Each structure stands twice: as structure tokens, then as C-alpha cells.
């Protein structure tokens, strides 16, 4: 609902026509925002009474003009109340458009969402991953189903999207689509980007997310321990393709690089750092953040292993990386052959680097965060939470410090 609504008739004495007359205007103020509309009536400026907002005098001409202004004012009030019945709030622009007989152009959700996805599709491989586009397409599909399920419509004016709409959409995702908490929250987050675009373009005045809250459940990250890494290194695979996938996976275990960042690596990404050793200098595709990673001996051995591989020679790539789908399919077979009772996927290599390879061996979390290319150290702290071994070592060290202090206290 609107908090304030005021009308004011006035004349612009600085603007006179050839007859020396000024136009009477009406200023409309709604919640502090103003617009003006011409009454298309003119008078001599000396005849205008600004205090009473009407034409001075008792002549028939003055009475007729004042009656017109009163009727015009009543028309404004009637139009305002009519709009209030249709909506929770009225803007100066909507009121002015209705008065002038203009049909306000309504923005509806589905074309806006489609336009977003079309633009994103053209930027796949440049700014967005194909998987990201897939999630927005699925979100749009869920929105269409929800509109039909809840409102029995195929589209909706974006100004009608409110807090209730969000809650109902979330309920739909959790019940009708059987989404778990994190999936539901992710789709709501994707939808939030569309809403922010509408707000930025001025197509919506109220943010439906203002009082809306949802949180991701913390996911337990799977990683390989030292013994499992040893199994991978030492396993003698008869199939060369399995061996190749094994080594490329291990490369990411010792660099922390995600699949797409490993796949796009070339020899040009390897340079000598200030310490005189080899470093990988790259930019994460997902976050566009820089990742500078020292090349550990295990990773360097794998690079050497494939330096003369036909794919590497012909494409200039650092490693002969298969498609992500094939890599994950082979990794499941590799896990079975190595007796690793975990659902092995390529992304587990990144988790393994963060936990077993770095944090467990005393590498400061700030350094790990920088190598992983995290924008926020809080993201890296999720890995630190699962390291019972590191917590145990830290507490043993603390115990020694406390025992030393207690001994010194007794000797004092």
C-alpha cells in the first residue's frame, strides 16, 4: 500500500505563450516520487492563486475553470483508487499512463527468463559453463510448471511476483519436484538472478527476496586419504586408458585444479616462479580468479609422462584429458579395481588436494585458499572442518604447551 498521495495544482510563471498566458499543471506525489501532467488550460499568471490552488475571481470564466480543475482532481482520485484495487501499490508512472489513456507495457517473467538463457547460451565457454546454462534451463522449466500448477497460467507480470510467490515456488520444488534442500535453494538462487535483473531495469519496484531466507545444508566432502592415493599410484592397470585417467586424476589431486581447468591447460601455463621452481599460472573458469600453484614432484612426473603423447603434441595441451563424462565413468571402474569404497568422481581430486595433500600436511589455510582460487576463505574453511587428524595434532601441540606452562608454574 502507498503511504502518501498528494496533488498540487500550480502554474509555471516562467513559461508563457504568445498571449502572455501560463499553463496550469497538476503535480502528483506518491511516496515521495513526483510526476506532473498538464491540464491543457491556460490563464494570465496574475489570476492564479497559489495558496488556494485555483483561479482568483468570481467571473463566469473563473468559475468554469475552477469547476474543470475540481472535476480533473476528482478524476485523478478515482483513477488512483481504481489502480489500488488491482495492485498493492501505485506509482506516479502507472497513474499518469492510465490518465493519459496509455496502456502500460507489462513485463512478464517467461520472456525475460528466456532472454537471459539465450544470452547465457552465447557466452558458454567464455563466461559460463554449459552446466550452468543447464541449471537455468531447468529452473525455467520448473517455473513454467509451477505457474500452471499454482496459478493455472502460462506467464505472470513480474510486478506480481512477491514473497508469497517465492514461498509457494519453494514448496512446489520440495513437494511436486521432490528436490532436496540444496537443490531447491539452488533453483531459488538462480531465480533470484532474474529478479535482480528486473529490479535493476526498473521493471519491479519491490524486491520479493527482501525478507526471504534459505540456507544450504553443509555437504560432507569426499576425499581420498594417503593410503588410497598410494593404491592409485601403485595399481598396475592392464588397460592403458584406465592408467591414463588414473594419472590425470592424480595430477588434479596434487594441483587442486578442477576438471575444466585441467582440460584447458597448455604448456604455456607452466612457468618458472620467483623461487626458481615450476609453477602453474592459470585463471579458474568458474570464478575467473587467479590460481598460482607450485608444481609438486608427483604432478611434474605426470606432466613428463605425457609430454610426447600424440594429443599433447597435436593440440598443445599439457595433458590428454578425456571428456568429463568419460573420466567419471572410468574413475568408478578404477575405484572398484583399487578397492576404494568411495564413489569416485573427478571433483574429488580437488577435495583431496585441499585436505590430504595440503591442510593435513600443515599448509596454512590462506595459502590453500589462494591456490584453489577461492574468492572467500570461508569456502576453504569447509575443508578444514573435516580434518580430525589435523585437529588432533593441533590439540596434542596445545597439550604440550599447557603442560610446559604448568611445570613452570610449579617450579616458580
Protein backbone atom coordinates (compact mmCIF):
# COMPACT_ATOMS: atom_id res chain seq x y z
CA UNK A 1 0.00 0.00 0.00
CA UNK A 2 1.11 3.56 -0.68
CA UNK A 3 1.99 5.68 2.35
CA UNK A 4 1.48 9.13 0.83
CA UNK A 5 -0.54 10.51 -2.06
CA UNK A 6 -0.76 14.25 -2.76
CA UNK A 7 -1.99 16.51 -5.57
CA UNK A 8 -0.96 20.09 -6.25
CA UNK A 9 -2.15 22.47 -8.96
CA UNK A 10 0.37 25.13 -9.99
CA UNK A 11 1.49 27.30 -12.91
CA UNK A 12 4.91 27.82 -14.43
CA UNK A 13 5.19 31.58 -14.50
CA UNK A 14 8.50 31.41 -16.35
CA UNK A 15 6.83 29.78 -19.36
CA UNK A 16 4.25 31.98 -21.11
CA UNK A 17 2.68 31.58 -24.51
CA UNK A 18 2.28 34.29 -27.17
CA UNK A 19 -0.90 35.51 -25.48
CA UNK A 20 1.02 36.02 -22.24
CA UNK A 21 -0.72 33.13 -20.50
CA UNK A 22 0.69 30.24 -18.45
CA UNK A 23 -0.39 26.58 -18.38
CA UNK A 24 -1.95 25.06 -15.27
CA UNK A 25 -0.21 21.81 -14.23
CA UNK A 26 -1.03 19.14 -11.70
CA UNK A 27 1.83 17.67 -9.68
CA UNK A 28 1.26 14.11 -8.43
CA UNK A 29 3.36 12.89 -5.48
CA UNK A 30 3.28 9.23 -4.42
CA UNK A 31 5.60 8.05 -1.65
CA UNK A 32 7.97 10.95 -2.26
CA UNK A 33 8.21 10.46 -6.03
CA UNK A 34 6.79 13.12 -8.34
CA UNK A 35 5.41 13.49 -11.82
CA UNK A 36 3.43 16.27 -13.48
CA UNK A 37 0.62 16.39 -16.00
CA UNK A 38 -0.73 19.32 -17.98
CA UNK A 39 -4.41 20.28 -17.60
CA UNK A 40 -4.17 21.88 -21.06
CA UNK A 41 -5.75 25.02 -19.62
CA UNK A 42 -4.07 28.46 -19.63
CA UNK A 43 -4.67 31.73 -17.75
CA UNK A 44 -2.97 35.03 -17.04
CA UNK A 45 -0.44 34.40 -14.27
CA UNK A 46 -1.87 37.31 -12.28
CA UNK A 47 -5.18 35.45 -11.96
CA UNK A 48 -3.69 32.33 -10.33
CA UNK A 49 -4.00 31.97 -6.53
CA UNK A 50 -1.21 29.57 -5.50
CA UNK A 51 -2.44 29.31 -1.90
CA UNK A 52 -5.91 28.05 -2.80
CA UNK A 53 -4.67 26.34 -6.00
CA UNK A 54 -7.41 27.87 -8.13
CA UNK A 55 -8.23 30.82 -10.37
CA UNK A 56 -8.92 34.03 -8.48
CA UNK A 57 -12.12 36.00 -9.01
CA UNK A 58 -15.83 35.31 -9.30
CA UNK A 59 -16.28 35.78 -13.02
CA UNK A 60 -18.07 33.13 -15.05
CA UNK A 61 -14.76 32.28 -16.72
CA UNK A 62 -13.05 31.75 -13.32
CA UNK A 63 -15.94 29.61 -12.01
CA UNK A 64 -15.93 27.45 -15.14
CA UNK A 65 -12.18 26.90 -14.99
CA UNK A 66 -12.23 26.12 -11.26
CA UNK A 67 -15.05 23.62 -11.81
CA UNK A 68 -12.94 21.96 -14.51
CA UNK A 69 -9.94 21.74 -12.11
CA UNK A 70 -12.15 20.23 -9.39
CA UNK A 71 -13.51 17.67 -11.84
CA UNK A 72 -10.00 16.91 -13.07
CA UNK A 73 -8.83 16.41 -9.48
CA UNK A 74 -11.71 14.03 -8.80
CA UNK A 75 -10.80 12.06 -11.91
CA UNK A 76 -7.27 11.66 -10.51
CA UNK A 77 -8.61 10.34 -7.21
CA UNK A 78 -10.98 7.92 -8.95
CA UNK A 79 -8.18 6.59 -11.16
CA UNK A 80 -5.86 6.22 -8.15
CA UNK A 81 -8.44 4.20 -6.18
CA UNK A 82 -9.18 2.07 -9.24
CA UNK A 83 -5.50 1.18 -9.56
CA UNK A 84 -5.29 0.45 -5.83
CA UNK A 85 -7.95 -2.23 -6.21
CA UNK A 86 -5.81 -4.02 -8.80
CA UNK A 87 -2.47 -3.77 -7.07
CA UNK A 88 -0.80 -3.34 -3.67
CA UNK A 89 0.76 -0.03 -4.68
CA UNK A 90 0.54 2.60 -7.40
CA UNK A 91 3.42 4.54 -8.95
CA UNK A 92 3.39 8.00 -10.46
CA UNK A 93 4.08 6.46 -13.83
CA UNK A 94 1.23 3.94 -13.73
CA UNK A 95 -1.22 6.64 -12.62
CA UNK A 96 -0.07 9.08 -15.30
CA UNK A 97 -0.25 6.42 -18.02
CA UNK A 98 -3.80 5.50 -17.03
CA UNK A 99 -4.86 9.16 -17.07
CA UNK A 100 -3.33 9.74 -20.48
CA UNK A 101 -5.01 6.62 -21.84
CA UNK A 102 -1.73 4.84 -22.42
CA UNK A 103 -1.65 1.09 -21.91
CA UNK A 104 1.38 0.49 -19.78
CA UNK A 105 3.73 -2.10 -21.27
CA UNK A 106 3.79 -5.05 -18.91
CA UNK A 107 6.88 -7.14 -18.47
CA UNK A 108 6.20 -10.83 -18.00
CA UNK A 109 8.50 -13.40 -16.45
CA UNK A 110 8.90 -16.08 -19.14
CA UNK A 111 10.21 -13.83 -21.98
CA UNK A 112 12.66 -12.21 -19.53
CA UNK A 113 13.89 -15.63 -18.35
CA UNK A 114 14.16 -16.86 -21.97
CA UNK A 115 16.16 -13.78 -22.95
CA UNK A 116 18.55 -14.39 -20.03
CA UNK A 117 19.10 -18.00 -21.09
CA UNK A 118 19.59 -17.07 -24.74
CA UNK A 119 22.27 -14.55 -23.78
CA UNK A 120 23.93 -17.05 -21.45
CA UNK A 121 24.00 -19.67 -24.23
CA UNK A 122 26.03 -17.31 -26.44
CA UNK A 123 28.54 -16.87 -23.60
CA UNK A 124 29.04 -20.58 -22.85
CA UNK A 125 32.76 -21.28 -22.91
CA UNK A 126 33.54 -17.59 -22.44
CA UNK A 127 31.86 -16.56 -19.21
CA UNK A 128 29.67 -19.54 -18.31
CA UNK A 129 29.96 -23.32 -18.27
CA UNK A 130 27.46 -25.49 -20.14
CA UNK A 131 26.35 -26.96 -16.81
CA UNK A 132 25.42 -23.50 -15.53
CA UNK A 133 23.21 -22.92 -18.57
CA UNK A 134 21.62 -26.32 -17.95
CA UNK A 135 20.66 -25.34 -14.39
CA UNK A 136 18.99 -22.11 -15.55
CA UNK A 137 17.10 -24.00 -18.25
CA UNK A 138 15.86 -26.49 -15.66
CA UNK A 139 14.90 -23.64 -13.34
CA UNK A 140 12.84 -22.05 -16.12
CA UNK A 141 11.14 -25.38 -16.79
CA UNK A 142 10.24 -25.64 -13.07
CA UNK A 143 8.89 -22.07 -13.11
CA UNK A 144 6.61 -22.86 -16.07
CA UNK A 145 5.28 -25.98 -14.33
CA UNK A 146 4.78 -24.04 -11.10
CA UNK A 147 2.77 -21.28 -12.81
CA UNK A 148 0.45 -23.88 -14.31
CA UNK A 149 0.28 -25.89 -11.06
CA UNK A 150 -0.37 -23.00 -8.68
CA UNK A 151 -1.97 -20.23 -10.75
CA UNK A 152 -3.14 -22.09 -13.87
CA UNK A 153 -1.41 -19.52 -16.08
CA UNK A 154 1.44 -19.75 -18.57
CA UNK A 155 3.10 -16.47 -17.57
CA UNK A 156 2.95 -13.71 -14.96
CA UNK A 157 3.55 -9.95 -14.76
CA UNK A 158 6.85 -9.54 -12.89
CA UNK A 159 5.26 -6.88 -10.65
CA UNK A 160 3.01 -9.63 -9.27
CA UNK A 161 5.96 -11.69 -8.00
CA UNK A 162 6.13 -11.30 -4.24
CA UNK A 163 7.25 -13.04 -1.05
CA UNK A 164 4.29 -15.44 -1.21
CA UNK A 165 5.23 -16.41 -4.77
CA UNK A 166 8.74 -17.39 -3.61
CA UNK A 167 7.45 -19.47 -0.70
CA UNK A 168 4.95 -21.23 -2.93
CA UNK A 169 7.62 -21.91 -5.57
CA UNK A 170 9.94 -23.38 -2.93
CA UNK A 171 7.10 -25.57 -1.62
CA UNK A 172 6.45 -26.75 -5.20
CA UNK A 173 10.12 -27.67 -5.67
CA UNK A 174 10.26 -29.65 -2.43
CA UNK A 175 6.96 -31.48 -2.92
CA UNK A 176 5.94 -31.76 -6.58
CA UNK A 177 9.54 -31.93 -7.93
CA UNK A 178 10.96 -33.86 -4.91
CA UNK A 179 14.02 -31.59 -4.71
CA UNK A 180 16.24 -31.92 -1.66
CA UNK A 181 17.05 -28.79 0.33
CA UNK A 182 20.20 -27.81 -1.55
CA UNK A 183 18.63 -28.33 -4.97
CA UNK A 184 15.59 -26.24 -4.02
CA UNK A 185 17.78 -23.47 -2.61
CA UNK A 186 19.93 -23.53 -5.76
CA UNK A 187 16.91 -23.09 -8.05
CA UNK A 188 15.62 -20.25 -5.88
CA UNK A 189 19.07 -18.66 -6.10
CA UNK A 190 19.05 -19.00 -9.91
CA UNK A 191 15.60 -17.41 -9.98
CA UNK A 192 16.95 -14.60 -7.79
CA UNK A 193 19.32 -13.55 -10.58
CA UNK A 194 16.33 -12.98 -12.89
CA UNK A 195 14.58 -10.91 -10.20
CA UNK A 196 17.71 -8.78 -9.64
CA UNK A 197 17.80 -8.08 -13.37
CA UNK A 198 14.15 -6.94 -13.28
CA UNK A 199 14.86 -4.66 -10.32
CA UNK A 200 17.94 -3.19 -11.99
CA UNK A 201 15.94 -2.44 -15.15
CA UNK A 202 13.18 -0.76 -13.17
CA UNK A 203 10.57 -3.35 -14.15
CA UNK A 204 9.88 -4.12 -10.48
CA UNK A 205 9.74 -1.75 -7.54
CA UNK A 206 9.70 -4.21 -4.66
CA UNK A 207 12.26 -6.93 -4.06
CA UNK A 208 10.37 -10.16 -3.18
CA UNK A 209 13.59 -11.56 -1.67
CA UNK A 210 13.74 -8.77 0.95
CA UNK A 211 12.54 -10.94 3.85
CA UNK A 212 13.15 -14.32 2.24
CA UNK A 213 15.78 -16.61 3.79
CA UNK A 214 17.07 -20.03 2.77
CA UNK A 215 20.28 -21.86 3.58
CA UNK A 216 22.28 -24.69 2.05
CA UNK A 217 22.81 -27.80 4.14
CA UNK A 218 26.50 -28.43 4.59
CA UNK A 219 27.59 -31.26 2.33
CA UNK A 220 30.15 -33.77 3.55
CA UNK A 221 33.00 -33.56 1.07
CA UNK A 222 34.50 -36.88 -0.03
CA UNK A 223 38.28 -37.04 -0.43
CA UNK A 224 40.99 -39.67 -0.67
CA UNK A 225 43.37 -40.34 2.19
CA UNK A 226 47.10 -41.10 1.84
CA UNK A 227 46.57 -44.86 1.68
CA UNK A 228 44.03 -44.51 -1.13
CA UNK A 229 46.37 -42.22 -3.07
CA UNK A 230 49.08 -44.87 -2.75
CA UNK A 231 46.71 -47.50 -4.12
CA UNK A 232 46.05 -45.35 -7.17
CA UNK A 233 49.74 -44.72 -7.77
CA UNK A 234 50.79 -48.34 -7.36
CA UNK A 235 47.96 -50.13 -9.16
CA UNK A 236 49.14 -51.89 -12.33
CA UNK A 237 46.39 -51.36 -14.91
CA UNK A 238 46.42 -53.60 -17.97
CA UNK A 239 44.18 -51.08 -19.76
CA UNK A 240 46.15 -48.01 -20.92
CA UNK A 241 43.05 -45.84 -20.96
CA UNK A 242 42.38 -46.58 -17.27
CA UNK A 243 46.01 -45.83 -16.45
CA UNK A 244 45.79 -42.51 -18.30
CA UNK A 245 42.63 -41.47 -16.44
CA UNK A 246 44.24 -42.50 -13.14
CA UNK A 247 47.30 -40.27 -13.71
CA UNK A 248 45.31 -37.23 -14.87
CA UNK A 249 43.06 -37.59 -11.81
CA UNK A 250 46.16 -37.78 -9.60
CA UNK A 251 47.52 -34.67 -11.31
CA UNK A 252 44.49 -32.77 -10.02
CA UNK A 253 44.96 -34.35 -6.58
CA UNK A 254 48.37 -32.63 -6.44
CA UNK A 255 47.37 -29.31 -8.07
CA UNK A 256 43.79 -28.77 -6.87
CA UNK A 257 42.61 -27.93 -10.38
CA UNK A 258 39.01 -28.66 -11.37
CA UNK A 259 38.30 -30.74 -14.48
CA UNK A 260 37.71 -27.82 -16.87
CA UNK A 261 40.84 -26.00 -15.64
CA UNK A 262 42.94 -29.13 -16.11
CA UNK A 263 41.46 -29.79 -19.53
CA UNK A 264 42.36 -26.33 -20.88
CA UNK A 265 45.95 -26.32 -19.54
CA UNK A 266 48.69 -25.84 -22.14
CA UNK A 267 52.47 -25.81 -21.86
CA UNK A 268 52.27 -22.02 -21.74
CA UNK A 269 50.61 -22.22 -18.33
CA UNK A 270 53.84 -23.63 -16.85
CA UNK A 271 56.44 -21.01 -15.91
CA UNK A 272 59.33 -20.57 -13.51
CA UNK A 273 58.33 -18.76 -10.32
CA UNK A 274 60.33 -16.38 -8.11
CA UNK A 275 61.60 -19.39 -6.15
CA UNK A 276 63.18 -20.88 -9.30
CA UNK A 277 60.69 -23.76 -9.40
CA UNK A 278 57.93 -24.59 -11.87
CA UNK A 279 54.50 -23.07 -11.24
CA UNK A 280 51.12 -23.33 -12.92
CA UNK A 281 49.65 -19.90 -13.67
CA UNK A 282 46.00 -20.06 -14.68
CA UNK A 283 42.58 -18.49 -14.17
CA UNK A 284 39.66 -20.58 -12.89
CA UNK A 285 36.87 -20.75 -15.43
CA UNK A 286 34.17 -20.92 -12.76
CA UNK A 287 35.11 -17.83 -10.73
CA UNK A 288 37.57 -16.02 -13.06
CA UNK A 289 40.02 -15.88 -10.15
CA UNK A 290 43.77 -16.43 -10.49
CA UNK A 291 45.30 -19.72 -9.34
CA UNK A 292 49.07 -19.85 -8.98
CA UNK A 293 50.15 -23.35 -7.96
CA UNK A 294 53.66 -24.73 -7.37
CA UNK A 295 54.20 -27.94 -9.37
CA UNK A 296 54.81 -30.73 -6.86
CA UNK A 297 57.10 -33.64 -7.88
CA UNK A 298 54.12 -36.00 -8.30
CA UNK A 299 52.43 -33.58 -10.71
CA UNK A 300 55.68 -32.96 -12.62
CA UNK A 301 56.20 -36.69 -13.12
CA UNK A 302 52.72 -36.94 -14.67
CA UNK A 303 53.41 -33.99 -16.99
CA UNK A 304 56.63 -35.69 -18.19
CA UNK A 305 54.77 -38.95 -18.71
CA UNK A 306 52.56 -37.39 -21.39
CA UNK A 307 54.89 -34.81 -22.90
CA UNK A 308 55.14 -36.84 -26.13
CA UNK A 309 51.55 -38.05 -26.20
CA UNK A 310 50.03 -37.53 -29.69
CA UNK A 311 47.12 -35.44 -28.31
CA UNK A 312 49.50 -33.17 -26.41
CA UNK A 313 51.76 -32.74 -29.45
CA UNK A 314 48.90 -32.03 -31.87
CA UNK A 315 46.84 -29.73 -29.62
CA UNK A 316 49.48 -28.12 -27.41
CA UNK A 317 47.57 -29.31 -24.34
CA UNK A 318 49.53 -30.21 -21.23
CA UNK A 319 47.66 -33.50 -20.68
CA UNK A 320 45.47 -35.82 -22.82
CA UNK A 321 42.26 -35.19 -20.87
CA UNK A 322 39.15 -37.12 -21.93
CA UNK A 323 35.61 -35.73 -21.68
CA UNK A 324 34.33 -35.22 -18.15
CA UNK A 325 31.67 -37.88 -18.68
CA UNK A 326 34.23 -40.48 -19.77
CA UNK A 327 36.63 -39.53 -16.97
CA UNK A 328 33.95 -40.06 -14.33
CA UNK A 329 32.84 -43.35 -15.88
CA UNK A 330 36.40 -44.70 -15.86
CA UNK A 331 37.02 -43.41 -12.32
CA UNK A 332 34.19 -45.57 -10.98
CA UNK A 333 35.83 -48.60 -12.57
CA UNK A 334 39.23 -47.54 -11.20
CA UNK A 335 37.80 -47.24 -7.67
CA UNK A 336 36.47 -50.82 -7.87
CA UNK A 337 39.79 -52.20 -9.16
CA UNK A 338 41.74 -50.40 -6.43
CA UNK A 339 39.38 -51.44 -3.65
CA UNK A 340 38.45 -47.84 -2.86
CA UNK A 341 34.98 -47.87 -1.34
CA UNK A 342 34.03 -44.36 -2.44
CA UNK A 343 32.04 -43.02 -5.38
CA UNK A 344 34.97 -41.56 -7.24
CA UNK A 345 34.33 -38.50 -9.42
CA UNK A 346 36.85 -36.08 -10.88
CA UNK A 347 35.95 -33.28 -8.46
CA UNK A 348 37.10 -35.45 -5.54
CA UNK A 349 40.65 -34.72 -6.72
CA UNK A 350 40.17 -31.06 -5.78
CA UNK A 351 38.87 -32.04 -2.34
CA UNK A 352 41.84 -34.37 -1.90
CA UNK A 353 44.30 -31.60 -2.69
CA UNK A 354 42.64 -29.31 -0.15
CA UNK A 355 42.57 -31.89 2.64
CA UNK A 356 45.04 -34.78 2.38
CA UNK A 357 47.75 -33.08 0.31
CA UNK A 358 47.83 -29.56 1.80
CA UNK A 359 45.90 -28.82 5.01
CA UNK A 360 46.73 -32.19 6.60
CA UNK A 361 50.41 -31.50 6.00
CA UNK A 362 50.38 -28.12 7.70
CA UNK A 363 49.98 -25.81 4.70
CA UNK A 364 48.29 -22.61 6.01
CA UNK A 365 44.65 -22.27 5.03
CA UNK A 366 45.36 -18.86 3.44
CA UNK A 367 47.83 -20.46 1.03
CA UNK A 368 45.42 -23.31 0.23
CA UNK A 369 42.63 -20.82 -0.44
CA UNK A 370 44.82 -18.86 -2.86
CA UNK A 371 45.93 -21.98 -4.76
CA UNK A 372 42.33 -23.20 -5.04
CA UNK A 373 41.30 -19.82 -6.41
CA UNK A 374 38.60 -19.31 -3.79
CA UNK A 375 37.12 -15.82 -3.63
CA UNK A 376 36.35 -16.20 0.07
CA UNK A 377 38.40 -18.06 2.66
CA UNK A 378 35.13 -19.29 4.22
CA UNK A 379 34.84 -21.65 1.26
CA UNK A 380 38.22 -23.16 2.13
CA UNK A 381 37.29 -23.45 5.81
CA UNK A 382 34.73 -26.12 4.91
CA UNK A 383 37.67 -28.44 4.15
CA UNK A 384 39.39 -27.62 7.43
CA UNK A 385 36.28 -28.70 9.38
CA UNK A 386 36.60 -32.32 8.31
CA UNK A 387 40.22 -32.84 9.24
CA UNK A 388 40.07 -34.75 12.52
CA UNK A 389 43.72 -35.66 12.10
CA UNK A 390 44.77 -32.02 11.92
CA UNK A 391 42.58 -31.14 14.92
CA UNK A 392 44.18 -33.99 16.87
CA UNK A 393 47.70 -32.81 16.02
CA UNK A 394 46.82 -29.23 16.98
CA UNK A 395 45.40 -30.37 20.31
CA UNK A 396 48.47 -32.51 21.04
CA UNK A 397 50.61 -29.44 20.47
CA UNK A 398 48.33 -27.39 22.73
CA UNK A 399 48.53 -30.08 25.41
CA UNK A 400 52.33 -29.87 25.36
CA UNK A 401 52.22 -26.08 25.72
CA UNK A 402 49.82 -26.29 28.67
CA UNK A 403 51.91 -28.99 30.36
CA UNK A 404 55.04 -26.83 29.95
CA UNK A 405 53.26 -23.84 31.49
CA UNK A 406 52.02 -25.95 34.39
CA UNK A 407 55.58 -27.25 35.03
CA UNK A 408 56.98 -23.71 35.02
CA UNK A 409 54.24 -22.62 37.44
CA UNK A 410 55.16 -25.39 39.90
CA UNK A 411 58.87 -24.58 39.68
CA UNK A 412 58.28 -20.89 40.28
